[in-house]
PDB file of N, CA and C in Angstrom:
ATOM      1  N   MET A   1      49.063 101.274  29.455  1.00  0.00           N
ATOM      2  CA  MET A   1      50.231 101.449  28.634  1.00  0.00           C
ATOM      3  C   MET A   1      51.481 101.462  29.511  1.00  0.00           C
ATOM      4  N   LYS A   2      52.510 100.729  29.092  1.00  0.00           N
ATOM      5  CA  LYS A   2      53.750 100.670  29.859  1.00  0.00           C
ATOM      6  C   LYS A   2      54.566 101.940  29.668  1.00  0.00           C
ATOM      7  N   GLU A   3      55.192 102.356  30.758  1.00  0.00           N
ATOM      8  CA  GLU A   3      56.091 103.502  30.679  1.00  0.00           C
ATOM      9  C   GLU A   3      57.438 103.041  30.153  1.00  0.00           C
ATOM     10  N   LYS A   4      58.035 103.858  29.321  1.00  0.00           N
ATOM     11  CA  LYS A   4      59.371 103.555  28.823  1.00  0.00           C
ATOM     12  C   LYS A   4      60.383 103.939  29.884  1.00  0.00           C
ATOM     13  N   HIS A   5      61.408 103.121  30.009  1.00  0.00           N
ATOM     14  CA  HIS A   5      62.490 103.427  30.939  1.00  0.00           C
ATOM     15  C   HIS A   5      63.598 104.123  30.164  1.00  0.00           C
ATOM     16  N   TYR A   6      63.850 105.350  30.517  1.00  0.00           N
ATOM     17  CA  TYR A   6      64.908 106.108  29.863  1.00  0.00           C
ATOM     18  C   TYR A   6      66.137 106.112  30.748  1.00  0.00           C
ATOM     19  N   ILE A   7      67.292 106.037  30.097  1.00  0.00           N
ATOM     20  CA  ILE A   7      68.524 106.112  30.866  1.00  0.00           C
ATOM     21  C   ILE A   7      69.232 107.429  30.530  1.00  0.00           C
ATOM     22  N   THR A   8      70.021 107.887  31.470  1.00  0.00           N
ATOM     23  CA  THR A   8      70.729 109.144  31.274  1.00  0.00           C
ATOM     24  C   THR A   8      71.911 108.934  30.319  1.00  0.00           C
ATOM     25  N   ARG A   9      72.449 110.034  29.848  1.00  0.00           N
ATOM     26  CA  ARG A   9      73.625 109.935  28.973  1.00  0.00           C
ATOM     27  C   ARG A   9      74.798 109.314  29.723  1.00  0.00           C
ATOM     28  N   LYS A  10      74.906 109.649  30.997  1.00  0.00           N
ATOM     29  CA  LYS A  10      75.993 109.093  31.806  1.00  0.00           C
ATOM     30  C   LYS A  10      75.845 107.573  31.921  1.00  0.00           C
ATOM     31  N   GLU A  11      74.619 107.101  32.154  1.00  0.00           N
ATOM     32  CA  GLU A  11      74.383 105.656  32.235  1.00  0.00           C
ATOM     33  C   GLU A  11      74.670 104.985  30.889  1.00  0.00           C
ATOM     34  N   GLN A  12      74.271 105.647  29.796  1.00  0.00           N
ATOM     35  CA  GLN A  12      74.531 105.101  28.460  1.00  0.00           C
ATOM     36  C   GLN A  12      76.033 105.027  28.193  1.00  0.00           C
ATOM     37  N   ALA A  13      76.771 106.034  28.637  1.00  0.00           N
ATOM     38  CA  ALA A  13      78.227 106.041  28.457  1.00  0.00           C
ATOM     39  C   ALA A  13      78.879 104.879  29.205  1.00  0.00           C
ATOM     40  N   VAL A  14      78.406 104.627  30.419  1.00  0.00           N
ATOM     41  CA  VAL A  14      78.939 103.510  31.210  1.00  0.00           C
ATOM     42  C   VAL A  14      78.656 102.191  30.502  1.00  0.00           C
ATOM     43  N   LEU A  15      77.443 102.040  29.990  1.00  0.00           N
ATOM     44  CA  LEU A  15      77.074 100.809  29.281  1.00  0.00           C
ATOM     45  C   LEU A  15      77.891 100.620  27.999  1.00  0.00           C
ATOM     46  N   THR A  16      78.117 101.699  27.277  1.00  0.00           N
ATOM     47  CA  THR A  16      78.892 101.614  26.039  1.00  0.00           C
ATOM     48  C   THR A  16      80.337 101.228  26.324  1.00  0.00           C
ATOM     49  N   LYS A  17      80.936 101.849  27.329  1.00  0.00           N
ATOM     50  CA  LYS A  17      82.323 101.524  27.677  1.00  0.00           C
ATOM     51  C   LYS A  17      82.432 100.060  28.112  1.00  0.00           C
ATOM     52  N   LYS A  18      81.469  99.590  28.890  1.00  0.00           N
ATOM     53  CA  LYS A  18      81.466  98.191  29.334  1.00  0.00           C
ATOM     54  C   LYS A  18      81.319  97.252  28.135  1.00  0.00           C
ATOM     55  N   LYS A  19      80.476  97.630  27.192  1.00  0.00           N
ATOM     56  CA  LYS A  19      80.270  96.798  25.998  1.00  0.00           C
ATOM     57  C   LYS A  19      81.563  96.687  25.190  1.00  0.00           C
ATOM     58  N   ILE A  20      82.275  97.779  25.034  1.00  0.00           N
ATOM     59  CA  ILE A  20      83.551  97.761  24.315  1.00  0.00           C
ATOM     60  C   ILE A  20      84.553  96.884  25.067  1.00  0.00           C
ATOM     61  N   PHE A  21      84.644  97.094  26.366  1.00  0.00           N
ATOM     62  CA  PHE A  21      85.570  96.332  27.207  1.00  0.00           C
ATOM     63  C   PHE A  21      85.259  94.844  27.134  1.00  0.00           C
ATOM     64  N   ASP A  22      84.016  94.480  27.365  1.00  0.00           N
ATOM     65  CA  ASP A  22      83.615  93.063  27.359  1.00  0.00           C
ATOM     66  C   ASP A  22      83.843  92.418  25.993  1.00  0.00           C
ATOM     67  N   THR A  23      83.540  93.142  24.933  1.00  0.00           N
ATOM     68  CA  THR A  23      83.745  92.626  23.581  1.00  0.00           C
ATOM     69  C   THR A  23      85.229  92.375  23.318  1.00  0.00           C
ATOM     70  N   THR A  24      86.066  93.308  23.749  1.00  0.00           N
ATOM     71  CA  THR A  24      87.508  93.156  23.558  1.00  0.00           C
ATOM     72  C   THR A  24      88.034  91.944  24.311  1.00  0.00           C
ATOM     73  N   ILE A  25      87.623  91.780  25.553  1.00  0.00           N
ATOM     74  CA  ILE A  25      88.074  90.638  26.348  1.00  0.00           C
ATOM     75  C   ILE A  25      87.612  89.334  25.697  1.00  0.00           C
ATOM     76  N   PHE A  26      86.387  89.300  25.219  1.00  0.00           N
ATOM     77  CA  PHE A  26      85.873  88.115  24.519  1.00  0.00           C
ATOM     78  C   PHE A  26      86.739  87.789  23.301  1.00  0.00           C
ATOM     79  N   LEU A  27      87.056  88.808  22.497  1.00  0.00           N
ATOM     80  CA  LEU A  27      87.856  88.586  21.291  1.00  0.00           C
ATOM     81  C   LEU A  27      89.288  88.174  21.626  1.00  0.00           C
ATOM     82  N   ILE A  28      89.854  88.731  22.697  1.00  0.00           N
ATOM     83  CA  ILE A  28      91.202  88.325  23.107  1.00  0.00           C
ATOM     84  C   ILE A  28      91.205  86.848  23.476  1.00  0.00           C
ATOM     85  N   ARG A  29      90.194  86.426  24.225  1.00  0.00           N
ATOM     86  CA  ARG A  29      90.102  85.007  24.599  1.00  0.00           C
ATOM     87  C   ARG A  29      89.952  84.124  23.370  1.00  0.00           C
ATOM     88  N   LYS A  30      89.183  84.599  22.418  1.00  0.00           N
ATOM     89  CA  LYS A  30      88.880  83.794  21.239  1.00  0.00           C
ATOM     90  C   LYS A  30      90.036  83.733  20.236  1.00  0.00           C
ATOM     91  N   LYS A  31      90.663  84.880  19.964  1.00  0.00           N
ATOM     92  CA  LYS A  31      91.632  84.949  18.877  1.00  0.00           C
ATOM     93  C   LYS A  31      93.043  85.317  19.307  1.00  0.00           C
ATOM     94  N   GLY A  32      93.185  85.907  20.481  1.00  0.00           N
ATOM     95  CA  GLY A  32      94.491  86.410  20.902  1.00  0.00           C
ATOM     96  C   GLY A  32      94.584  87.908  20.665  1.00  0.00           C
ATOM     97  N   TYR A  33      95.325  88.571  21.509  1.00  0.00           N
ATOM     98  CA  TYR A  33      95.413  90.029  21.490  1.00  0.00           C
ATOM     99  C   TYR A  33      95.925  90.577  20.159  1.00  0.00           C
ATOM    100  N   SER A  34      96.986  90.016  19.656  1.00  0.00           N
ATOM    101  CA  SER A  34      97.610  90.570  18.450  1.00  0.00           C
ATOM    102  C   SER A  34      96.792  90.319  17.179  1.00  0.00           C
ATOM    103  N   LYS A  35      95.817  89.429  17.248  1.00  0.00           N
ATOM    104  CA  LYS A  35      95.047  89.086  16.050  1.00  0.00           C
ATOM    105  C   LYS A  35      93.725  89.836  15.941  1.00  0.00           C
ATOM    106  N   ILE A  36      93.454  90.732  16.879  1.00  0.00           N
ATOM    107  CA  ILE A  36      92.214  91.508  16.769  1.00  0.00           C
ATOM    108  C   ILE A  36      92.541  92.965  16.440  1.00  0.00           C
ATOM    109  N   THR A  37      91.608  93.600  15.774  1.00  0.00           N
ATOM    110  CA  THR A  37      91.783  95.004  15.407  1.00  0.00           C
ATOM    111  C   THR A  37      90.698  95.838  16.075  1.00  0.00           C
ATOM    112  N   ILE A  38      90.940  97.125  16.112  1.00  0.00           N
ATOM    113  CA  ILE A  38      89.928  98.029  16.665  1.00  0.00           C
ATOM    114  C   ILE A  38      88.661  97.960  15.820  1.00  0.00           C
ATOM    115  N   ARG A  39      88.823  97.877  14.522  1.00  0.00           N
ATOM    116  CA  ARG A  39      87.645  97.766  13.649  1.00  0.00           C
ATOM    117  C   ARG A  39      86.827  96.507  13.984  1.00  0.00           C
ATOM    118  N   GLU A  40      87.507  95.404  14.239  1.00  0.00           N
ATOM    119  CA  GLU A  40      86.819  94.157  14.603  1.00  0.00           C
ATOM    120  C   GLU A  40      86.101  94.296  15.944  1.00  0.00           C
ATOM    121  N   ILE A  41      86.756  94.946  16.893  1.00  0.00           N
ATOM    122  CA  ILE A  41      86.110  95.204  18.197  1.00  0.00           C
ATOM    123  C   ILE A  41      84.830  96.000  17.975  1.00  0.00           C
ATOM    124  N   CYS A  42      84.927  97.036  17.158  1.00  0.00           N
ATOM    125  CA  CYS A  42      83.769  97.901  16.908  1.00  0.00           C
ATOM    126  C   CYS A  42      82.634  97.152  16.210  1.00  0.00           C
ATOM    127  N   GLN A  43      82.970  96.331  15.231  1.00  0.00           N
ATOM    128  CA  GLN A  43      81.937  95.555  14.536  1.00  0.00           C
ATOM    129  C   GLN A  43      81.215  94.621  15.501  1.00  0.00           C
ATOM    130  N   ASN A  44      81.970  93.949  16.353  1.00  0.00           N
ATOM    131  CA  ASN A  44      81.370  93.012  17.298  1.00  0.00           C
ATOM    132  C   ASN A  44      80.580  93.719  18.395  1.00  0.00           C
ATOM    133  N   ALA A  45      81.013  94.920  18.762  1.00  0.00           N
ATOM    134  CA  ALA A  45      80.303  95.686  19.793  1.00  0.00           C
ATOM    135  C   ALA A  45      79.164  96.518  19.199  1.00  0.00           C
ATOM    136  N   GLU A  46      79.073  96.512  17.877  1.00  0.00           N
ATOM    137  CA  GLU A  46      78.050  97.266  17.151  1.00  0.00           C
ATOM    138  C   GLU A  46      78.126  98.762  17.463  1.00  0.00           C
ATOM    139  N   ILE A  47      79.342  99.286  17.352  1.00  0.00           N
ATOM    140  CA  ILE A  47      79.586 100.722  17.537  1.00  0.00           C
ATOM    141  C   ILE A  47      80.480 101.204  16.402  1.00  0.00           C
ATOM    142  N   SER A  48      80.597 102.518  16.261  1.00  0.00           N
ATOM    143  CA  SER A  48      81.496 103.070  15.243  1.00  0.00           C
ATOM    144  C   SER A  48      82.914 103.157  15.807  1.00  0.00           C
ATOM    145  N   VAL A  49      83.880 103.261  14.912  1.00  0.00           N
ATOM    146  CA  VAL A  49      85.268 103.417  15.331  1.00  0.00           C
ATOM    147  C   VAL A  49      85.423 104.718  16.121  1.00  0.00           C
ATOM    148  N   GLY A  50      84.725 105.759  15.709  1.00  0.00           N
ATOM    149  CA  GLY A  50      84.762 107.027  16.436  1.00  0.00           C
ATOM    150  C   GLY A  50      84.291 106.883  17.867  1.00  0.00           C
ATOM    151  N   THR A  51      83.252 106.083  18.066  1.00  0.00           N
ATOM    152  CA  THR A  51      82.753 105.844  19.425  1.00  0.00           C
ATOM    153  C   THR A  51      83.802 105.135  20.252  1.00  0.00           C
ATOM    154  N   PHE A  52      84.503 104.167  19.667  1.00  0.00           N
ATOM    155  CA  PHE A  52      85.577 103.478  20.378  1.00  0.00           C
ATOM    156  C   PHE A  52      86.557 104.492  20.944  1.00  0.00           C
ATOM    157  N   TYR A  53      86.979 105.441  20.092  1.00  0.00           N
ATOM    158  CA  TYR A  53      87.998 106.406  20.505  1.00  0.00           C
ATOM    159  C   TYR A  53      87.486 107.446  21.501  1.00  0.00           C
ATOM    160  N   LEU A  54      86.194 107.523  21.695  1.00  0.00           N
ATOM    161  CA  LEU A  54      85.662 108.369  22.771  1.00  0.00           C
ATOM    162  C   LEU A  54      85.962 107.764  24.139  1.00  0.00           C
ATOM    163  N   TYR A  55      86.101 106.442  24.181  1.00  0.00           N
ATOM    164  CA  TYR A  55      86.254 105.739  25.454  1.00  0.00           C
ATOM    165  C   TYR A  55      87.666 105.189  25.685  1.00  0.00           C
ATOM    166  N   PHE A  56      88.355 104.821  24.627  1.00  0.00           N
ATOM    167  CA  PHE A  56      89.687 104.230  24.748  1.00  0.00           C
ATOM    168  C   PHE A  56      90.609 104.824  23.693  1.00  0.00           C
ATOM    169  N   LEU A  57      91.878 104.957  24.034  1.00  0.00           N
ATOM    170  CA  LEU A  57      92.860 105.494  23.097  1.00  0.00           C
ATOM    171  C   LEU A  57      93.366 104.431  22.124  1.00  0.00           C
ATOM    172  N   SER A  58      93.345 103.160  22.575  1.00  0.00           N
ATOM    173  CA  SER A  58      93.888 102.057  21.779  1.00  0.00           C
ATOM    174  C   SER A  58      93.474 100.740  22.423  1.00  0.00           C
ATOM    175  N   LYS A  59      93.869  99.628  21.791  1.00  0.00           N
ATOM    176  CA  LYS A  59      93.661  98.322  22.430  1.00  0.00           C
ATOM    177  C   LYS A  59      94.443  98.257  23.730  1.00  0.00           C
ATOM    178  N   ASP A  60      95.636  98.810  23.732  1.00  0.00           N
ATOM    179  CA  ASP A  60      96.460  98.810  24.946  1.00  0.00           C
ATOM    180  C   ASP A  60      95.752  99.516  26.107  1.00  0.00           C
ATOM    181  N   ASP A  61      95.005 100.551  25.788  1.00  0.00           N
ATOM    182  CA  ASP A  61      94.276 101.290  26.817  1.00  0.00           C
ATOM    183  C   ASP A  61      93.249 100.389  27.505  1.00  0.00           C
ATOM    184  N   ILE A  62      92.678  99.473  26.771  1.00  0.00           N
ATOM    185  CA  ILE A  62      91.721  98.530  27.356  1.00  0.00           C
ATOM    186  C   ILE A  62      92.450  97.596  28.325  1.00  0.00           C
ATOM    187  N   LEU A  63      93.659  97.163  27.960  1.00  0.00           N
ATOM    188  CA  LEU A  63      94.450  96.326  28.875  1.00  0.00           C
ATOM    189  C   LEU A  63      94.808  97.091  30.146  1.00  0.00           C
ATOM    190  N   LEU A  64      95.101  98.376  30.011  1.00  0.00           N
ATOM    191  CA  LEU A  64      95.379  99.189  31.199  1.00  0.00           C
ATOM    192  C   LEU A  64      94.141  99.286  32.094  1.00  0.00           C
ATOM    193  N   ASP A  65      92.982  99.392  31.471  1.00  0.00           N
ATOM    194  CA  ASP A  65      91.730  99.414  32.230  1.00  0.00           C
ATOM    195  C   ASP A  65      91.531  98.085  32.953  1.00  0.00           C
ATOM    196  N   LEU A  66      91.823  96.984  32.264  1.00  0.00           N
ATOM    197  CA  LEU A  66      91.734  95.663  32.881  1.00  0.00           C
ATOM    198  C   LEU A  66      92.690  95.569  34.063  1.00  0.00           C
ATOM    199  N   TYR A  67      93.924  95.995  33.858  1.00  0.00           N
ATOM    200  CA  TYR A  67      94.917  95.965  34.940  1.00  0.00           C
ATOM    201  C   TYR A  67      94.418  96.754  36.153  1.00  0.00           C
ATOM    202  N   SER A  68      93.860  97.914  35.899  1.00  0.00           N
ATOM    203  CA  SER A  68      93.358  98.754  36.985  1.00  0.00           C
ATOM    204  C   SER A  68      92.251  98.040  37.760  1.00  0.00           C
ATOM    205  N   LYS A  69      91.337  97.398  37.046  1.00  0.00           N
ATOM    206  CA  LYS A  69      90.244  96.663  37.699  1.00  0.00           C
ATOM    207  C   LYS A  69      90.772  95.485  38.508  1.00  0.00           C
ATOM    208  N   VAL A  70      91.703  94.746  37.927  1.00  0.00           N
ATOM    209  CA  VAL A  70      92.279  93.592  38.623  1.00  0.00           C
ATOM    210  C   VAL A  70      93.036  94.059  39.859  1.00  0.00           C
ATOM    211  N   ASN A  71      93.821  95.108  39.704  1.00  0.00           N
ATOM    212  CA  ASN A  71      94.597  95.639  40.816  1.00  0.00           C
ATOM    213  C   ASN A  71      93.682  96.072  41.968  1.00  0.00           C
ATOM    214  N   GLN A  72      92.593  96.760  41.641  1.00  0.00           N
ATOM    215  CA  GLN A  72      91.654  97.196  42.687  1.00  0.00           C
ATOM    216  C   GLN A  72      91.011  96.009  43.378  1.00  0.00           C
ATOM    217  N   LYS A  73      90.636  95.004  42.596  1.00  0.00           N
ATOM    218  CA  LYS A  73      90.018  93.798  43.161  1.00  0.00           C
ATOM    219  C   LYS A  73      90.996  93.087  44.097  1.00  0.00           C
ATOM    220  N   LEU A  74      92.256  92.994  43.683  1.00  0.00           N
ATOM    221  CA  LEU A  74      93.263  92.340  44.520  1.00  0.00           C
ATOM    222  C   LEU A  74      93.509  93.129  45.807  1.00  0.00           C
ATOM    223  N   GLN A  75      93.554  94.438  45.704  1.00  0.00           N
ATOM    224  CA  GLN A  75      93.745  95.256  46.901  1.00  0.00           C
ATOM    225  C   GLN A  75      92.573  95.091  47.864  1.00  0.00           C
ATOM    226  N   ASP A  76      91.369  95.097  47.312  1.00  0.00           N
ATOM    227  CA  ASP A  76      90.184  94.903  48.156  1.00  0.00           C
ATOM    228  C   ASP A  76      90.204  93.527  48.815  1.00  0.00           C
ATOM    229  N   SER A  77      90.573  92.521  48.040  1.00  0.00           N
ATOM    230  CA  SER A  77      90.631  91.157  48.569  1.00  0.00           C
ATOM    231  C   SER A  77      91.717  91.018  49.622  1.00  0.00           C
ATOM    232  N   ALA A  78      92.859  91.644  49.393  1.00  0.00           N
ATOM    233  CA  ALA A  78      93.973  91.572  50.344  1.00  0.00           C
ATOM    234  C   ALA A  78      93.595  92.216  51.666  1.00  0.00           C
ATOM    235  N   ALA A  79      92.861  93.286  51.617  1.00  0.00           N
ATOM    236  CA  ALA A  79      92.442  93.961  52.844  1.00  0.00           C
ATOM    237  C   ALA A  79      91.555  93.052  53.687  1.00  0.00           C
ATOM    238  N   ILE A  80      90.729  92.263  53.043  1.00  0.00           N
ATOM    239  CA  ILE A  80      89.837  91.341  53.751  1.00  0.00           C
ATOM    240  C   ILE A  80      90.634  90.213  54.401  1.00  0.00           C
ATOM    241  N   GLN A  81      91.685  89.733  53.716  1.00  0.00           N
ATOM    242  CA  GLN A  81      92.472  88.590  54.174  1.00  0.00           C
ATOM    243  C   GLN A  81      93.714  88.998  54.968  1.00  0.00           C
ATOM    244  N   ASN A  82      93.742  90.157  55.516  1.00  0.00           N
ATOM    245  CA  ASN A  82      94.932  90.750  56.125  1.00  0.00           C
ATOM    246  C   ASN A  82      95.541  89.945  57.274  1.00  0.00           C
ATOM    247  N   ASN A  83      94.800  89.105  57.958  1.00  0.00           N
ATOM    248  CA  ASN A  83      95.301  88.393  59.134  1.00  0.00           C
ATOM    249  C   ASN A  83      95.912  87.029  58.823  1.00  0.00           C
ATOM    250  N   ASP A  84      95.909  86.605  57.569  1.00  0.00           N
ATOM    251  CA  ASP A  84      96.448  85.295  57.204  1.00  0.00           C
ATOM    252  C   ASP A  84      97.971  85.298  57.155  1.00  0.00           C
ATOM    253  N   THR A  85      98.535  84.092  57.112  1.00  0.00           N
ATOM    254  CA  THR A  85      99.987  83.946  56.956  1.00  0.00           C
ATOM    255  C   THR A  85     100.371  84.396  55.546  1.00  0.00           C
ATOM    256  N   PRO A  86     101.642  84.741  55.317  1.00  0.00           N
ATOM    257  CA  PRO A  86     102.059  85.155  53.966  1.00  0.00           C
ATOM    258  C   PRO A  86     101.759  84.104  52.894  1.00  0.00           C
ATOM    259  N   GLU A  87     101.921  82.829  53.233  1.00  0.00           N
ATOM    260  CA  GLU A  87     101.660  81.767  52.261  1.00  0.00           C
ATOM    261  C   GLU A  87     100.184  81.725  51.875  1.00  0.00           C
ATOM    262  N   LYS A  88      99.317  81.811  52.888  1.00  0.00           N
ATOM    263  CA  LYS A  88      97.872  81.798  52.617  1.00  0.00           C
ATOM    264  C   LYS A  88      97.467  83.040  51.839  1.00  0.00           C
ATOM    265  N   MET A  89      98.087  84.171  52.185  1.00  0.00           N
ATOM    266  CA  MET A  89      97.776  85.423  51.503  1.00  0.00           C
ATOM    267  C   MET A  89      98.174  85.346  50.024  1.00  0.00           C
ATOM    268  N   LEU A  90      99.361  84.813  49.731  1.00  0.00           N
ATOM    269  CA  LEU A  90      99.810  84.675  48.355  1.00  0.00           C
ATOM    270  C   LEU A  90      98.889  83.747  47.570  1.00  0.00           C
ATOM    271  N   LEU A  91      98.548  82.623  48.139  1.00  0.00           N
ATOM    272  CA  LEU A  91      97.639  81.688  47.482  1.00  0.00           C
ATOM    273  C   LEU A  91      96.288  82.348  47.218  1.00  0.00           C
ATOM    274  N   PHE A  92      95.797  83.070  48.194  1.00  0.00           N
ATOM    275  CA  PHE A  92      94.519  83.767  48.041  1.00  0.00           C
ATOM    276  C   PHE A  92      94.594  84.791  46.902  1.00  0.00           C
ATOM    277  N   LEU A  93      95.690  85.565  46.844  1.00  0.00           N
ATOM    278  CA  LEU A  93      95.826  86.591  45.811  1.00  0.00           C
ATOM    279  C   LEU A  93      95.950  85.983  44.419  1.00  0.00           C
ATOM    280  N   VAL A  94      96.667  84.878  44.305  1.00  0.00           N
ATOM    281  CA  VAL A  94      96.782  84.210  43.002  1.00  0.00           C
ATOM    282  C   VAL A  94      95.405  83.717  42.545  1.00  0.00           C
ATOM    283  N   LYS A  95      94.672  83.098  43.458  1.00  0.00           N
ATOM    284  CA  LYS A  95      93.317  82.625  43.110  1.00  0.00           C
ATOM    285  C   LYS A  95      92.408  83.796  42.748  1.00  0.00           C
ATOM    286  N   ALA A  96      92.513  84.883  43.490  1.00  0.00           N
ATOM    287  CA  ALA A  96      91.688  86.065  43.206  1.00  0.00           C
ATOM    288  C   ALA A  96      92.045  86.644  41.839  1.00  0.00           C
ATOM    289  N   PHE A  97      93.348  86.701  41.529  1.00  0.00           N
ATOM    290  CA  PHE A  97      93.788  87.219  40.235  1.00  0.00           C
ATOM    291  C   PHE A  97      93.241  86.369  39.101  1.00  0.00           C
ATOM    292  N   LEU A  98      93.412  85.076  39.208  1.00  0.00           N
ATOM    293  CA  LEU A  98      92.939  84.184  38.152  1.00  0.00           C
ATOM    294  C   LEU A  98      91.424  84.223  38.024  1.00  0.00           C
ATOM    295  N   GLY A  99      90.735  84.336  39.153  1.00  0.00           N
ATOM    296  CA  GLY A  99      89.281  84.432  39.117  1.00  0.00           C
ATOM    297  C   GLY A  99      88.811  85.736  38.498  1.00  0.00           C
ATOM    298  N   THR A 100      89.514  86.808  38.764  1.00  0.00           N
ATOM    299  CA  THR A 100      89.132  88.119  38.246  1.00  0.00           C
ATOM    300  C   THR A 100      89.350  88.224  36.748  1.00  0.00           C
ATOM    301  N   THR A 101      90.438  87.662  36.265  1.00  0.00           N
ATOM    302  CA  THR A 101      90.750  87.777  34.838  1.00  0.00           C
ATOM    303  C   THR A 101      90.039  86.724  33.998  1.00  0.00           C
ATOM    304  N   GLY A 102      89.425  85.761  34.637  1.00  0.00           N
ATOM    305  CA  GLY A 102      88.636  84.769  33.916  1.00  0.00           C
ATOM    306  C   GLY A 102      89.419  83.991  32.876  1.00  0.00           C
ATOM    307  N   GLY A 103      90.653  83.673  33.169  1.00  0.00           N
ATOM    308  CA  GLY A 103      91.459  82.887  32.234  1.00  0.00           C
ATOM    309  C   GLY A 103      91.998  83.684  31.067  1.00  0.00           C
ATOM    310  N   LEU A 104      91.905  84.996  31.130  1.00  0.00           N
ATOM    311  CA  LEU A 104      92.387  85.815  30.025  1.00  0.00           C
ATOM    312  C   LEU A 104      93.896  85.684  29.843  1.00  0.00           C
ATOM    313  N   PHE A 105      94.610  85.561  30.947  1.00  0.00           N
ATOM    314  CA  PHE A 105      96.063  85.530  30.865  1.00  0.00           C
ATOM    315  C   PHE A 105      96.589  84.122  30.620  1.00  0.00           C
ATOM    316  N   ARG A 106      96.275  83.647  29.461  1.00  0.00           N
ATOM    317  CA  ARG A 106      96.853  82.389  28.978  1.00  0.00           C
ATOM    318  C   ARG A 106      97.896  82.765  27.946  1.00  0.00           C
ATOM    319  N   GLU A 107      98.843  81.921  27.754  1.00  0.00           N
ATOM    320  CA  GLU A 107      99.915  82.207  26.794  1.00  0.00           C
ATOM    321  C   GLU A 107      99.335  82.508  25.414  1.00  0.00           C
ATOM    322  N   ARG A 108      98.341  81.783  24.989  1.00  0.00           N
ATOM    323  CA  ARG A 108      97.752  81.926  23.667  1.00  0.00           C
ATOM    324  C   ARG A 108      97.073  83.274  23.458  1.00  0.00           C
ATOM    325  N   ALA A 109      96.539  83.845  24.507  1.00  0.00           N
ATOM    326  CA  ALA A 109      95.763  85.081  24.370  1.00  0.00           C
ATOM    327  C   ALA A 109      96.596  86.269  23.919  1.00  0.00           C
ATOM    328  N   PHE A 110      97.891  86.241  24.167  1.00  0.00           N
ATOM    329  CA  PHE A 110      98.708  87.404  23.829  1.00  0.00           C
ATOM    330  C   PHE A 110      99.715  87.147  22.717  1.00  0.00           C
ATOM    331  N   LYS A 111      99.485  86.123  21.949  1.00  0.00           N
ATOM    332  CA  LYS A 111     100.349  85.846  20.794  1.00  0.00           C
ATOM    333  C   LYS A 111      99.851  86.630  19.602  1.00  0.00           C
TER     334      LYS A 111
END
């Protein structure tokens, strides 16, 4: 008989927050930021609206979380590329930013 793998509440919380975040980013790419609602995010993530508010205060809060992740990634990347010329460093950071956001920052996404 196979043993069941149980996860802790902390691990479940991390997975739930990631699911909300990923679902929101998917919907922003698909429909644009202003055209999605918290209820729609919850339906697509298969969670209740109450659960959403346990992890995020609003849709804007998810964007702040995204900004924080992108900012950390850029700082980490910049530290690695510290010896390059300013031009190479700027090009590297722009590529890292675009790679990290996965095309989220298109004009259409925030209409």
